[in-house]
Amino acid sequence: MPKALPVIDMSAPVCCAPVAAGPVGDAAALEVALRLKALADPVRVKLLSLLLASPAGEENGGDLAEKVGLSESTVSHHLGQLRKAGIIETERRGMNTFHRARREALSALCAVLDPNCCT
């Protein structure tokens, strides 16, 4: 059975020195790796793309499921992984759940990977 990764709070954007700045410590490497792991799935990348491209800045879970051609429960699972990684946020309104990308979290992740990417 594979060893489970430790659970860390990923609700805040990743915040550590850029990986190019020198050797990365264990805690910082884990923080970055868990966020990248959440994005290491084509469905999640597509869902994030849909959220970032949404004119309203958010999308309903049912609409996302229809756009990617998967069941709502499957899409809900993928969105949950992105939410746990701090990449999206979710708001419940009545019977609907709306999701939006956390651009500041994505910018922070980009800056950690390459400090020159966002200049």
C-alpha atoms as a PDB file:
ATOM      1  CA  MET A   1       0.000   0.000   0.000  1.00  0.00           C
ATOM      2  CA  PRO A   2       1.461   3.392  -0.967  1.00  0.00           C
ATOM      3  CA  LYS A   3       2.465   5.771   1.798  1.00  0.00           C
ATOM      4  CA  ALA A   4      -0.021   8.625   2.179  1.00  0.00           C
ATOM      5  CA  LEU A   5       1.313  12.159   2.064  1.00  0.00           C
ATOM      6  CA  PRO A   6       0.882  14.167   5.259  1.00  0.00           C
ATOM      7  CA  VAL A   7      -2.045  16.547   5.405  1.00  0.00           C
ATOM      8  CA  ILE A   8      -1.122  20.224   5.504  1.00  0.00           C
ATOM      9  CA  ASP A   9      -3.218  23.367   5.409  1.00  0.00           C
ATOM     10  CA  MET A  10      -3.265  24.490   1.794  1.00  0.00           C
ATOM     11  CA  SER A  11      -5.979  27.118   2.121  1.00  0.00           C
ATOM     12  CA  ALA A  12      -3.446  29.950   1.807  1.00  0.00           C
ATOM     13  CA  PRO A  13      -1.428  30.448  -1.367  1.00  0.00           C
ATOM     14  CA  VAL A  14       1.923  28.690  -1.362  1.00  0.00           C
ATOM     15  CA  CYS A  15       4.517  30.940   0.193  1.00  0.00           C
ATOM     16  CA  CYS A  16       8.162  30.030   0.092  1.00  0.00           C
ATOM     17  CA  ALA A  17      11.362  30.999  -1.659  1.00  0.00           C
ATOM     18  CA  PRO A  18      11.480  30.216  -5.371  1.00  0.00           C
ATOM     19  CA  VAL A  19      12.800  26.745  -6.107  1.00  0.00           C
ATOM     20  CA  ALA A  20      15.529  28.358  -8.218  1.00  0.00           C
ATOM     21  CA  ALA A  21      16.780  30.316  -5.186  1.00  0.00           C
ATOM     22  CA  GLY A  22      18.543  27.286  -3.779  1.00  0.00           C
ATOM     23  CA  PRO A  23      17.802  23.928  -2.229  1.00  0.00           C
ATOM     24  CA  VAL A  24      14.199  23.705  -1.065  1.00  0.00           C
ATOM     25  CA  GLY A  25      13.419  22.390   2.410  1.00  0.00           C
ATOM     26  CA  ASP A  26      11.205  19.383   3.021  1.00  0.00           C
ATOM     27  CA  ALA A  27       8.175  21.396   4.179  1.00  0.00           C
ATOM     28  CA  ALA A  28       8.314  23.814   1.236  1.00  0.00           C
ATOM     29  CA  ALA A  29       8.823  20.969  -1.246  1.00  0.00           C
ATOM     30  CA  LEU A  30       5.793  19.160   0.170  1.00  0.00           C
ATOM     31  CA  GLU A  31       3.664  22.303  -0.009  1.00  0.00           C
ATOM     32  CA  VAL A  32       4.512  22.869  -3.680  1.00  0.00           C
ATOM     33  CA  ALA A  33       4.226  19.178  -4.587  1.00  0.00           C
ATOM     34  CA  LEU A  34       0.741  18.805  -3.124  1.00  0.00           C
ATOM     35  CA  ARG A  35      -0.519  21.730  -5.154  1.00  0.00           C
ATOM     36  CA  LEU A  36       1.090  20.436  -8.327  1.00  0.00           C
ATOM     37  CA  LYS A  37      -0.351  16.992  -7.630  1.00  0.00           C
ATOM     38  CA  ALA A  38      -3.829  18.536  -7.586  1.00  0.00           C
ATOM     39  CA  LEU A  39      -3.175  19.950 -11.053  1.00  0.00           C
ATOM     40  CA  ALA A  40      -1.658  16.732 -12.414  1.00  0.00           C
ATOM     41  CA  ASP A  41      -4.905  15.535 -13.942  1.00  0.00           C
ATOM     42  CA  PRO A  42      -6.262  16.564 -17.360  1.00  0.00           C
ATOM     43  CA  VAL A  43      -9.833  16.913 -16.068  1.00  0.00           C
ATOM     44  CA  ARG A  44      -8.711  19.245 -13.276  1.00  0.00           C
ATOM     45  CA  VAL A  45      -6.692  21.335 -15.700  1.00  0.00           C
ATOM     46  CA  LYS A  46      -9.741  21.582 -17.964  1.00  0.00           C
ATOM     47  CA  LEU A  47     -11.998  22.531 -15.031  1.00  0.00           C
ATOM     48  CA  LEU A  48      -9.533  25.211 -13.939  1.00  0.00           C
ATOM     49  CA  SER A  49      -9.384  26.497 -17.507  1.00  0.00           C
ATOM     50  CA  LEU A  50     -13.181  26.737 -17.643  1.00  0.00           C
ATOM     51  CA  LEU A  51     -13.248  28.625 -14.346  1.00  0.00           C
ATOM     52  CA  LEU A  52     -10.544  31.061 -15.456  1.00  0.00           C
ATOM     53  CA  ALA A  53     -12.299  31.646 -18.802  1.00  0.00           C
ATOM     54  CA  SER A  54     -15.754  32.123 -17.302  1.00  0.00           C
ATOM     55  CA  PRO A  55     -17.143  35.611 -18.054  1.00  0.00           C
ATOM     56  CA  ALA A  56     -18.884  35.593 -14.662  1.00  0.00           C
ATOM     57  CA  GLY A  57     -15.690  34.498 -12.913  1.00  0.00           C
ATOM     58  CA  GLU A  58     -17.480  31.458 -11.505  1.00  0.00           C
ATOM     59  CA  GLU A  59     -19.331  28.363 -12.658  1.00  0.00           C
ATOM     60  CA  ASN A  60     -22.007  26.082 -11.243  1.00  0.00           C
ATOM     61  CA  GLY A  61     -20.890  22.495 -10.632  1.00  0.00           C
ATOM     62  CA  GLY A  62     -23.656  21.089 -12.835  1.00  0.00           C
ATOM     63  CA  ASP A  63     -22.684  23.346 -15.718  1.00  0.00           C
ATOM     64  CA  LEU A  64     -19.044  22.317 -15.372  1.00  0.00           C
ATOM     65  CA  ALA A  65     -20.036  18.642 -15.440  1.00  0.00           C
ATOM     66  CA  GLU A  66     -21.954  19.203 -18.662  1.00  0.00           C
ATOM     67  CA  LYS A  67     -19.057  21.100 -20.264  1.00  0.00           C
ATOM     68  CA  VAL A  68     -16.500  18.363 -19.523  1.00  0.00           C
ATOM     69  CA  GLY A  69     -18.913  15.514 -20.269  1.00  0.00           C
ATOM     70  CA  LEU A  70     -18.629  13.815 -16.887  1.00  0.00           C
ATOM     71  CA  SER A  71     -21.048  13.063 -14.077  1.00  0.00           C
ATOM     72  CA  GLU A  72     -21.616  15.690 -11.412  1.00  0.00           C
ATOM     73  CA  SER A  73     -20.191  13.379  -8.746  1.00  0.00           C
ATOM     74  CA  THR A  74     -16.958  12.896 -10.711  1.00  0.00           C
ATOM     75  CA  VAL A  75     -16.615  16.626 -11.291  1.00  0.00           C
ATOM     76  CA  SER A  76     -17.378  17.249  -7.620  1.00  0.00           C
ATOM     77  CA  HIS A  77     -14.504  14.936  -6.674  1.00  0.00           C
ATOM     78  CA  HIS A  78     -12.082  16.787  -8.955  1.00  0.00           C
ATOM     79  CA  LEU A  79     -13.254  20.175  -7.699  1.00  0.00           C
ATOM     80  CA  GLY A  80     -12.776  18.935  -4.139  1.00  0.00           C
ATOM     81  CA  GLN A  81      -9.149  18.121  -4.889  1.00  0.00           C
ATOM     82  CA  LEU A  82      -8.602  21.580  -6.370  1.00  0.00           C
ATOM     83  CA  ARG A  83     -10.331  23.141  -3.355  1.00  0.00           C
ATOM     84  CA  LYS A  84      -8.197  21.173  -0.869  1.00  0.00           C
ATOM     85  CA  ALA A  85      -5.113  22.418  -2.714  1.00  0.00           C
ATOM     86  CA  GLY A  86      -6.315  26.014  -2.321  1.00  0.00           C
ATOM     87  CA  ILE A  87      -6.562  26.518  -6.089  1.00  0.00           C
ATOM     88  CA  ILE A  88     -10.308  27.170  -6.192  1.00  0.00           C
ATOM     89  CA  GLU A  89     -12.936  28.322  -3.736  1.00  0.00           C
ATOM     90  CA  THR A  90     -16.535  27.237  -3.490  1.00  0.00           C
ATOM     91  CA  GLU A  91     -19.702  29.005  -2.398  1.00  0.00           C
ATOM     92  CA  ARG A  92     -23.029  27.337  -1.797  1.00  0.00           C
ATOM     93  CA  ARG A  93     -26.126  29.324  -2.807  1.00  0.00           C
ATOM     94  CA  GLY A  94     -29.360  27.490  -2.148  1.00  0.00           C
ATOM     95  CA  MET A  95     -29.298  24.237  -4.078  1.00  0.00           C
ATOM     96  CA  ASN A  96     -26.347  25.322  -6.265  1.00  0.00           C
ATOM     97  CA  THR A  97     -22.627  25.322  -5.640  1.00  0.00           C
ATOM     98  CA  PHE A  98     -20.493  27.865  -7.463  1.00  0.00           C
ATOM     99  CA  HIS A  99     -16.756  27.556  -7.960  1.00  0.00           C
ATOM    100  CA  ARG A 100     -14.155  30.185  -8.798  1.00  0.00           C
ATOM    101  CA  ALA A 101     -10.398  30.067  -9.352  1.00  0.00           C
ATOM    102  CA  ARG A 102      -8.153  31.641  -6.721  1.00  0.00           C
ATOM    103  CA  ARG A 103      -5.890  33.634  -9.017  1.00  0.00           C
ATOM    104  CA  GLU A 104      -3.670  34.736  -6.126  1.00  0.00           C
ATOM    105  CA  ALA A 105      -2.930  31.078  -5.324  1.00  0.00           C
ATOM    106  CA  LEU A 106      -2.031  30.372  -8.945  1.00  0.00           C
ATOM    107  CA  SER A 107       0.175  33.478  -9.118  1.00  0.00           C
ATOM    108  CA  ALA A 108       1.957  32.449  -5.923  1.00  0.00           C
ATOM    109  CA  LEU A 109       2.554  28.946  -7.302  1.00  0.00           C
ATOM    110  CA  CYS A 110       3.921  30.393 -10.543  1.00  0.00           C
ATOM    111  CA  ALA A 111       6.244  32.708  -8.607  1.00  0.00           C
ATOM    112  CA  VAL A 112       7.565  29.808  -6.525  1.00  0.00           C
ATOM    113  CA  LEU A 113       8.290  27.770  -9.654  1.00  0.00           C
ATOM    114  CA  ASP A 114       9.767  30.662 -11.629  1.00  0.00           C
ATOM    115  CA  PRO A 115      10.158  34.079  -9.992  1.00  0.00           C
ATOM    116  CA  ASN A 116      10.495  35.704 -13.435  1.00  0.00           C
ATOM    117  CA  CYS A 117       7.217  34.356 -14.828  1.00  0.00           C
ATOM    118  CA  CYS A 118       4.998  37.105 -13.455  1.00  0.00           C
ATOM    119  CA  THR A 119       7.182  40.159 -13.966  1.00  0.00           C
END
